[in-house]
């Protein structure tokens, strides 16, 4: 009988107004604070969590108080409401196992929503999923529990504004995150922030690649992921020169040099290295891009028409002259180019390529230039591509090229 009386005294000493035998009838936390924990041991009229602590302390500089209220008060502006159960195993009753266990310490056990086993508490600070990480650019990813001055709850505390690469540069978070206000760090839906889900619009599915790179007119730089627009920077370079509508060469598209992702999350797209992999299509089967020098080499499209023998720096200023790829006197070109273009013959390119170029060396059909095909159409005469002979030219009989 005496043992039972000691147990009851223990409960009364801790629980204040809880009457003898009332243990299993106490309202659980997160219910009505005036009927539960708050009027018994800790909390206040509006919350079951400190301030006040079990010992009556109310200063946030005290560890039993700390940032309890900063977490539990539902933010009207920037995050979902944190619940007691995110950081503690909440007892269903006063005498639930582990609640009043004699050590005077509230055990911290993070819920899955707070990072679970990946989160930790060292008695002074938290390293939790909901506080981001330094790798994301956060300047306070392990906040001190008793520092409640707002310095650890800015946008830059958990992640950069914006986060570092490979996250794209730019301050209009709403382009990718629909819960944000346009051109603002305010939230349309605060409850969706720090809720364990990254809300991202699938820009590729909606035609929105330009939210990360490029402009409204094109998905390719300028601008690059860092916001650069100078063509002297390799991540910008000659992208637009290649992709814009040309009057002198076959159309170049993104897939000419890259594997274009179907969605934002396609394998290899955002893979953490912040590098756009260069993979040339069948027009340049031997093409190689050297990142260190920003140079394309063994290229067909910058060669003289005889295979992969061209090279060019991606940051080289244009426009390019005809002689940038092949000579106008036939030097280095196939067959009898040199004989026909130089010396006494002195023909112009249009004599054999009449559908591609005119007598003034102007390209007249861009789709037939740099398209992987030797487009031979003589103004007079016949070309046999299999035998590589020309005949009925008016200059000579059948001749092997």
Protein backbone atom coordinates (compact mmCIF):
# COMPACT_ATOMS: atom_id res chain seq x y z
CA UNK A 1 0.00 0.00 0.00
CA UNK A 2 2.87 2.36 0.79
CA UNK A 3 4.50 1.64 -2.61
CA UNK A 4 1.30 2.68 -4.41
CA UNK A 5 1.14 5.89 -2.37
CA UNK A 6 4.73 6.82 -3.34
CA UNK A 7 3.86 6.34 -7.02
CA UNK A 8 0.83 8.59 -6.67
CA UNK A 9 2.91 11.25 -4.92
CA UNK A 10 5.37 11.08 -7.76
CA UNK A 11 2.61 11.75 -10.25
CA UNK A 12 1.13 14.56 -8.18
CA UNK A 13 4.55 16.17 -7.71
CA UNK A 14 5.09 16.27 -11.44
CA UNK A 15 1.60 16.76 -12.74
CA UNK A 16 0.46 19.57 -10.49
CA UNK A 17 -3.32 19.63 -10.87
CA UNK A 18 -3.74 15.99 -11.99
CA UNK A 19 -5.75 14.22 -9.35
CA UNK A 20 -5.04 10.80 -7.89
CA UNK A 21 -5.99 8.02 -10.30
CA UNK A 22 -6.42 10.34 -13.27
CA UNK A 23 -3.33 9.20 -15.21
CA UNK A 24 -5.03 7.43 -18.14
CA UNK A 25 -7.63 10.16 -18.59
CA UNK A 26 -5.26 13.05 -19.33
CA UNK A 27 -5.86 14.59 -22.77
CA UNK A 28 -2.93 13.71 -25.10
CA UNK A 29 -0.64 16.43 -26.45
CA UNK A 30 -1.67 18.28 -29.63
CA UNK A 31 -5.26 18.16 -28.40
CA UNK A 32 -6.72 20.88 -26.14
CA UNK A 33 -3.72 22.27 -24.21
CA UNK A 34 -5.90 23.63 -21.41
CA UNK A 35 -7.10 20.11 -20.66
CA UNK A 36 -3.79 18.25 -21.11
CA UNK A 37 -0.06 18.58 -20.69
CA UNK A 38 0.00 22.37 -20.64
CA UNK A 39 -1.85 22.75 -17.32
CA UNK A 40 0.04 19.89 -15.75
CA UNK A 41 3.80 20.01 -16.27
CA UNK A 42 4.90 22.09 -19.26
CA UNK A 43 3.54 24.47 -21.87
CA UNK A 44 1.05 27.29 -21.65
CA UNK A 45 -2.60 28.02 -22.30
CA UNK A 46 -2.10 27.87 -26.06
CA UNK A 47 0.48 25.11 -26.41
CA UNK A 48 1.58 21.91 -24.74
CA UNK A 49 5.27 22.69 -25.40
CA UNK A 50 7.51 25.11 -23.48
CA UNK A 51 7.67 27.78 -22.45
CA UNK A 52 7.09 26.80 -19.54
CA UNK A 53 9.52 23.89 -18.89
CA UNK A 54 8.91 21.24 -16.20
CA UNK A 55 11.05 23.26 -13.81
CA UNK A 56 9.13 26.46 -14.60
CA UNK A 57 11.80 28.08 -16.81
CA UNK A 58 10.53 30.22 -19.69
CA UNK A 59 13.70 31.71 -21.25
CA UNK A 60 14.49 30.48 -24.77
CA UNK A 61 18.19 30.48 -23.82
CA UNK A 62 17.42 27.50 -21.58
CA UNK A 63 17.67 24.13 -23.34
CA UNK A 64 14.33 22.74 -22.03
CA UNK A 65 12.63 25.77 -23.62
CA UNK A 66 14.75 26.75 -26.62
CA UNK A 67 12.99 26.95 -29.99
CA UNK A 68 9.92 24.90 -29.06
CA UNK A 69 7.48 27.69 -29.81
CA UNK A 70 9.36 28.85 -32.91
CA UNK A 71 8.75 25.37 -34.34
CA UNK A 72 5.22 24.70 -33.14
CA UNK A 73 3.55 28.00 -33.95
CA UNK A 74 2.17 27.53 -37.45
CA UNK A 75 3.97 29.98 -39.67
CA UNK A 76 1.63 32.16 -41.71
CA UNK A 77 4.41 32.89 -44.18
CA UNK A 78 6.99 30.20 -44.91
CA UNK A 79 6.64 26.68 -43.48
CA UNK A 80 4.21 24.00 -42.48
CA UNK A 81 3.34 23.58 -38.80
CA UNK A 82 5.82 21.37 -36.95
CA UNK A 83 4.21 18.91 -34.54
CA UNK A 84 5.46 17.51 -31.23
CA UNK A 85 5.65 14.07 -32.83
CA UNK A 86 8.23 15.27 -35.37
CA UNK A 87 10.90 15.39 -32.66
CA UNK A 88 9.52 13.33 -29.78
CA UNK A 89 7.61 10.14 -29.13
CA UNK A 90 4.43 11.72 -27.79
CA UNK A 91 2.93 9.73 -24.88
CA UNK A 92 -0.72 8.83 -25.08
CA UNK A 93 -1.00 9.02 -21.27
CA UNK A 94 0.97 10.52 -18.38
CA UNK A 95 2.20 7.10 -17.26
CA UNK A 96 3.05 5.84 -20.77
CA UNK A 97 6.42 3.97 -20.83
CA UNK A 98 9.36 6.34 -21.30
CA UNK A 99 7.44 9.50 -20.44
CA UNK A 100 8.25 10.15 -16.80
CA UNK A 101 11.29 7.87 -16.54
CA UNK A 102 13.26 9.69 -13.86
CA UNK A 103 16.06 11.22 -15.94
CA UNK A 104 14.36 14.59 -16.40
CA UNK A 105 15.27 14.57 -20.11
CA UNK A 106 12.89 14.63 -23.07
CA UNK A 107 14.26 12.12 -25.57
CA UNK A 108 14.56 13.40 -29.15
CA UNK A 109 13.42 10.85 -31.74
CA UNK A 110 12.90 12.36 -35.19
CA UNK A 111 9.96 11.26 -37.30
CA UNK A 112 10.30 10.27 -40.94
CA UNK A 113 8.98 13.70 -41.88
CA UNK A 114 11.85 15.29 -39.93
CA UNK A 115 14.51 13.10 -41.52
CA UNK A 116 14.29 10.00 -39.35
CA UNK A 117 17.60 8.25 -38.70
CA UNK A 118 19.38 10.68 -41.03
CA UNK A 119 18.71 13.48 -38.52
CA UNK A 120 20.53 13.89 -35.23
CA UNK A 121 20.50 15.89 -31.98
CA UNK A 122 23.69 16.38 -29.96
CA UNK A 123 22.16 18.22 -27.01
CA UNK A 124 22.97 21.64 -28.42
CA UNK A 125 22.06 21.66 -32.10
CA UNK A 126 20.06 19.67 -34.65
CA UNK A 127 21.28 18.28 -37.94
CA UNK A 128 17.96 17.46 -39.51
CA UNK A 129 16.56 17.04 -42.99
CA UNK A 130 14.19 19.94 -42.42
CA UNK A 131 17.15 22.28 -41.89
CA UNK A 132 18.85 21.53 -45.20
CA UNK A 133 22.59 21.05 -45.59
CA UNK A 134 25.76 22.93 -46.40
CA UNK A 135 26.01 21.18 -49.78
CA UNK A 136 22.80 22.98 -50.75
CA UNK A 137 24.38 26.31 -49.83
CA UNK A 138 22.77 26.52 -46.39
CA UNK A 139 24.61 28.75 -43.92
CA UNK A 140 22.98 27.27 -40.78
CA UNK A 141 22.12 23.62 -41.51
CA UNK A 142 22.81 22.67 -37.87
CA UNK A 143 20.97 25.39 -35.91
CA UNK A 144 21.70 25.96 -32.23
CA UNK A 145 18.51 25.08 -30.33
CA UNK A 146 18.71 27.98 -27.87
CA UNK A 147 19.41 30.70 -30.45
CA UNK A 148 15.95 32.04 -31.20
CA UNK A 149 16.69 35.35 -32.90
CA UNK A 150 15.63 34.61 -36.48
CA UNK A 151 19.21 34.36 -37.75
CA UNK A 152 18.86 30.62 -38.37
CA UNK A 153 15.53 30.74 -40.18
CA UNK A 154 16.25 32.87 -43.23
CA UNK A 155 15.95 31.51 -46.77
CA UNK A 156 19.72 31.08 -46.89
CA UNK A 157 19.85 29.10 -43.65
CA UNK A 158 18.88 25.73 -45.13
CA UNK A 159 19.80 26.21 -48.80
CA UNK A 160 21.30 28.87 -51.02
CA UNK A 161 19.18 31.51 -52.72
CA UNK A 162 19.42 29.91 -55.20
CA UNK A 163 21.25 26.70 -54.23
CA UNK A 164 24.66 26.14 -55.87
CA UNK A 165 25.03 24.27 -59.20
CA UNK A 166 23.76 22.01 -60.61
CA UNK A 167 20.68 23.91 -59.42
CA UNK A 168 20.03 26.62 -62.02
CA UNK A 169 20.78 30.23 -61.26
CA UNK A 170 17.99 32.79 -61.05
CA UNK A 171 15.87 34.36 -58.35
CA UNK A 172 12.39 33.62 -59.70
CA UNK A 173 11.79 30.39 -57.77
CA UNK A 174 8.19 30.25 -59.03
CA UNK A 175 9.38 29.20 -62.50
CA UNK A 176 10.07 25.71 -61.18
CA UNK A 177 8.35 25.70 -57.78
CA UNK A 178 4.60 26.36 -58.11
CA UNK A 179 4.17 26.96 -54.37
CA UNK A 180 6.20 30.20 -54.63
CA UNK A 181 5.05 33.67 -55.62
CA UNK A 182 6.41 35.07 -58.89
CA UNK A 183 9.70 36.97 -58.48
CA UNK A 184 9.44 36.67 -54.72
CA UNK A 185 10.61 34.57 -51.79
CA UNK A 186 7.06 34.43 -50.46
CA UNK A 187 5.00 31.26 -50.50
CA UNK A 188 1.60 30.74 -52.06
CA UNK A 189 1.23 27.65 -49.88
CA UNK A 190 3.47 27.68 -46.78
CA UNK A 191 2.21 24.23 -45.76
CA UNK A 192 4.03 22.77 -48.76
CA UNK A 193 7.41 24.05 -47.56
CA UNK A 194 9.55 21.74 -45.40
CA UNK A 195 7.04 18.94 -45.78
CA UNK A 196 9.39 16.30 -47.19
CA UNK A 197 8.32 16.88 -50.79
CA UNK A 198 10.10 19.00 -53.39
CA UNK A 199 7.36 20.52 -55.51
CA UNK A 200 8.81 21.02 -58.99
CA UNK A 201 7.00 21.68 -62.24
CA UNK A 202 8.16 19.30 -64.97
CA UNK A 203 9.51 22.00 -67.23
CA UNK A 204 10.44 19.60 -70.02
CA UNK A 205 6.90 18.25 -70.18
CA UNK A 206 5.50 21.76 -70.40
CA UNK A 207 8.09 23.08 -72.85
CA UNK A 208 9.81 25.03 -70.13
CA UNK A 209 13.52 24.16 -70.51
CA UNK A 210 14.18 27.89 -70.61
CA UNK A 211 13.45 28.15 -66.90
CA UNK A 212 16.98 26.82 -66.31
CA UNK A 213 18.89 27.80 -69.45
CA UNK A 214 18.25 29.75 -72.61
CA UNK A 215 15.69 32.46 -73.19
CA UNK A 216 12.04 32.71 -74.16
CA UNK A 217 13.14 32.34 -77.78
CA UNK A 218 15.39 29.28 -77.35
CA UNK A 219 16.20 26.57 -74.83
CA UNK A 220 19.92 26.89 -75.50
CA UNK A 221 22.27 29.48 -73.97
CA UNK A 222 22.60 32.30 -73.57
CA UNK A 223 21.88 32.18 -70.64
CA UNK A 224 23.70 29.19 -69.12
CA UNK A 225 22.98 27.66 -65.69
CA UNK A 226 25.08 30.37 -64.03
CA UNK A 227 23.32 33.17 -65.85
CA UNK A 228 26.24 33.85 -68.19
CA UNK A 229 25.53 35.26 -71.65
CA UNK A 230 29.03 36.00 -73.03
CA UNK A 231 29.92 33.81 -76.02
CA UNK A 232 33.54 33.73 -74.84
CA UNK A 233 32.40 31.40 -72.04
CA UNK A 234 32.30 27.76 -73.12
CA UNK A 235 28.89 27.07 -71.57
CA UNK A 236 27.47 29.78 -73.83
CA UNK A 237 29.79 29.80 -76.84
CA UNK A 238 28.24 29.31 -80.27
CA UNK A 239 24.97 27.74 -79.14
CA UNK A 240 22.78 30.40 -80.71
CA UNK A 241 24.92 30.70 -83.84
CA UNK A 242 24.32 27.00 -84.48
CA UNK A 243 20.65 26.87 -83.58
CA UNK A 244 19.30 30.01 -85.23
CA UNK A 245 17.77 29.76 -88.69
CA UNK A 246 20.63 29.84 -91.19
CA UNK A 247 20.81 30.99 -94.80
CA UNK A 248 23.91 28.93 -95.51
CA UNK A 249 23.91 25.59 -93.68
CA UNK A 250 21.65 22.70 -92.83
CA UNK A 251 19.65 23.22 -89.61
CA UNK A 252 21.43 22.29 -86.38
CA UNK A 253 19.20 21.16 -83.49
CA UNK A 254 19.93 20.36 -79.84
CA UNK A 255 20.11 16.62 -80.59
CA UNK A 256 22.93 17.28 -83.04
CA UNK A 257 25.28 17.61 -80.05
CA UNK A 258 23.35 16.42 -76.97
CA UNK A 259 21.02 13.70 -75.77
CA UNK A 260 17.92 15.81 -75.10
CA UNK A 261 16.00 14.68 -71.97
CA UNK A 262 12.29 13.98 -72.27
CA UNK A 263 11.65 15.11 -68.69
CA UNK A 264 13.53 17.04 -66.00
CA UNK A 265 14.25 13.78 -64.16
CA UNK A 266 15.47 11.82 -67.19
CA UNK A 267 18.67 9.86 -66.43
CA UNK A 268 21.79 11.89 -67.11
CA UNK A 269 20.01 15.25 -67.22
CA UNK A 270 20.50 16.70 -63.75
CA UNK A 271 23.17 14.26 -62.59
CA UNK A 272 25.08 16.45 -60.15
CA UNK A 273 28.16 17.33 -62.21
CA UNK A 274 26.65 20.48 -63.73
CA UNK A 275 28.06 19.50 -67.13
CA UNK A 276 26.15 19.12 -70.36
CA UNK A 277 27.45 15.94 -71.98
CA UNK A 278 28.30 16.35 -75.68
CA UNK A 279 27.20 13.42 -77.82
CA UNK A 280 27.27 14.09 -81.55
CA UNK A 281 24.68 12.59 -83.88
CA UNK A 282 25.35 10.51 -87.01
CA UNK A 283 26.35 13.58 -89.04
CA UNK A 284 29.55 13.69 -86.95
CA UNK A 285 30.22 10.05 -86.04
CA UNK A 286 33.88 10.74 -85.24
CA UNK A 287 33.33 14.13 -83.58
CA UNK A 288 35.03 14.81 -80.24
CA UNK A 289 34.50 17.68 -77.82
CA UNK A 290 37.46 18.56 -75.59
CA UNK A 291 36.10 20.41 -72.58
CA UNK A 292 39.44 21.76 -71.39
CA UNK A 293 39.90 23.77 -74.59
CA UNK A 294 36.22 24.04 -75.60
CA UNK A 295 37.21 22.58 -78.97
CA UNK A 296 35.33 20.33 -81.38
CA UNK A 297 37.61 18.12 -83.48
CA UNK A 298 37.46 15.33 -86.09
CA UNK A 299 34.24 16.95 -87.25
CA UNK A 300 32.48 16.52 -90.58
CA UNK A 301 30.51 19.75 -90.28
CA UNK A 302 33.64 21.87 -89.88
CA UNK A 303 35.75 19.88 -92.32
CA UNK A 304 36.31 20.09 -96.06
CA UNK A 305 33.65 17.57 -97.01
CA UNK A 306 35.94 14.57 -96.93
CA UNK A 307 34.89 13.15 -93.55
CA UNK A 308 35.84 13.97 -89.99
CA UNK A 309 38.80 16.27 -90.50
CA UNK A 310 37.54 19.61 -89.19
CA UNK A 311 38.25 21.35 -85.88
CA UNK A 312 37.02 24.58 -84.32
CA UNK A 313 36.84 26.27 -80.92
CA UNK A 314 33.27 26.52 -79.65
CA UNK A 315 33.98 30.04 -78.42
CA UNK A 316 35.45 31.25 -81.71
CA UNK A 317 33.90 34.46 -82.98
CA UNK A 318 32.05 34.32 -86.30
CA UNK A 319 30.84 34.56 -88.94
CA UNK A 320 32.87 31.93 -90.78
CA UNK A 321 34.07 32.35 -94.36
CA UNK A 322 33.94 29.56 -96.93
CA UNK A 323 37.68 29.05 -96.45
CA UNK A 324 37.14 28.22 -92.76
CA UNK A 325 36.18 24.70 -93.89
CA UNK A 326 37.43 24.21 -97.44
CA UNK A 327 39.57 26.08 -99.91
CA UNK A 328 38.25 27.88 -102.98
CA UNK A 329 41.12 26.65 -105.19
CA UNK A 330 40.60 22.97 -104.42
CA UNK A 331 43.67 22.44 -102.24
CA UNK A 332 43.15 19.48 -99.91
CA UNK A 333 39.83 18.57 -101.48
CA UNK A 334 38.84 15.31 -103.16
CA UNK A 335 39.49 14.12 -106.68
CA UNK A 336 40.13 16.77 -109.31
CA UNK A 337 38.82 19.78 -107.39
CA UNK A 338 42.18 21.47 -107.61
CA UNK A 339 42.40 20.91 -111.38
CA UNK A 340 38.97 22.34 -112.02
CA UNK A 341 38.99 25.25 -109.56
CA UNK A 342 42.49 26.48 -110.28
CA UNK A 343 44.79 26.86 -113.23
CA UNK A 344 43.46 27.50 -116.71
CA UNK A 345 40.04 25.90 -116.06
CA UNK A 346 39.14 28.19 -113.15
CA UNK A 347 35.56 26.95 -112.67
CA UNK A 348 33.30 28.22 -109.91
CA UNK A 349 31.66 25.88 -107.38
CA UNK A 350 28.24 26.26 -109.02
CA UNK A 351 29.48 24.46 -112.15
CA UNK A 352 29.04 21.15 -110.31
CA UNK A 353 26.96 22.18 -107.28
CA UNK A 354 24.36 24.30 -109.03
CA UNK A 355 21.56 23.55 -106.54
CA UNK A 356 23.69 24.61 -103.56
CA UNK A 357 25.66 27.68 -104.56
CA UNK A 358 25.46 30.40 -107.21
CA UNK A 359 28.17 31.97 -109.38
CA UNK A 360 28.93 34.55 -106.69
CA UNK A 361 29.62 31.85 -104.08
CA UNK A 362 26.37 32.50 -102.22
CA UNK A 363 24.59 29.47 -100.73
CA UNK A 364 21.16 29.27 -102.39
CA UNK A 365 19.79 26.22 -100.56
CA UNK A 366 20.91 25.97 -96.94
CA UNK A 367 19.35 22.51 -96.47
CA UNK A 368 21.74 21.08 -99.07
CA UNK A 369 24.89 22.50 -97.45
CA UNK A 370 26.62 20.67 -94.58
CA UNK A 371 24.00 17.93 -94.69
CA UNK A 372 26.28 14.91 -95.06
CA UNK A 373 25.62 14.48 -98.80
CA UNK A 374 27.75 15.46 -101.82
CA UNK A 375 25.07 17.41 -103.65
CA UNK A 376 26.31 17.30 -107.26
CA UNK A 377 24.10 18.75 -109.95
CA UNK A 378 25.83 20.07 -113.05
CA UNK A 379 24.44 22.87 -115.14
CA UNK A 380 25.43 20.70 -118.11
CA UNK A 381 26.54 17.09 -117.82
CA UNK A 382 25.81 13.96 -115.82
CA UNK A 383 27.39 12.71 -112.59
CA UNK A 384 27.51 8.98 -111.81
CA UNK A 385 27.96 8.74 -108.04
CA UNK A 386 28.60 4.97 -108.10
CA UNK A 387 31.30 5.05 -110.76
CA UNK A 388 32.42 8.55 -109.72
CA UNK A 389 32.48 9.72 -113.32
CA UNK A 390 31.09 12.73 -115.16
CA UNK A 391 30.01 12.77 -118.78
CA UNK A 392 28.32 14.95 -121.40
CA UNK A 393 29.77 18.01 -119.77
CA UNK A 394 30.60 19.88 -122.94
CA UNK A 395 34.15 20.14 -121.65
CA UNK A 396 35.21 16.55 -122.14
CA UNK A 397 33.85 13.08 -122.55
CA UNK A 398 33.35 10.60 -119.74
CA UNK A 399 36.03 11.14 -117.14
CA UNK A 400 36.76 9.56 -113.80
CA UNK A 401 36.76 12.05 -110.97
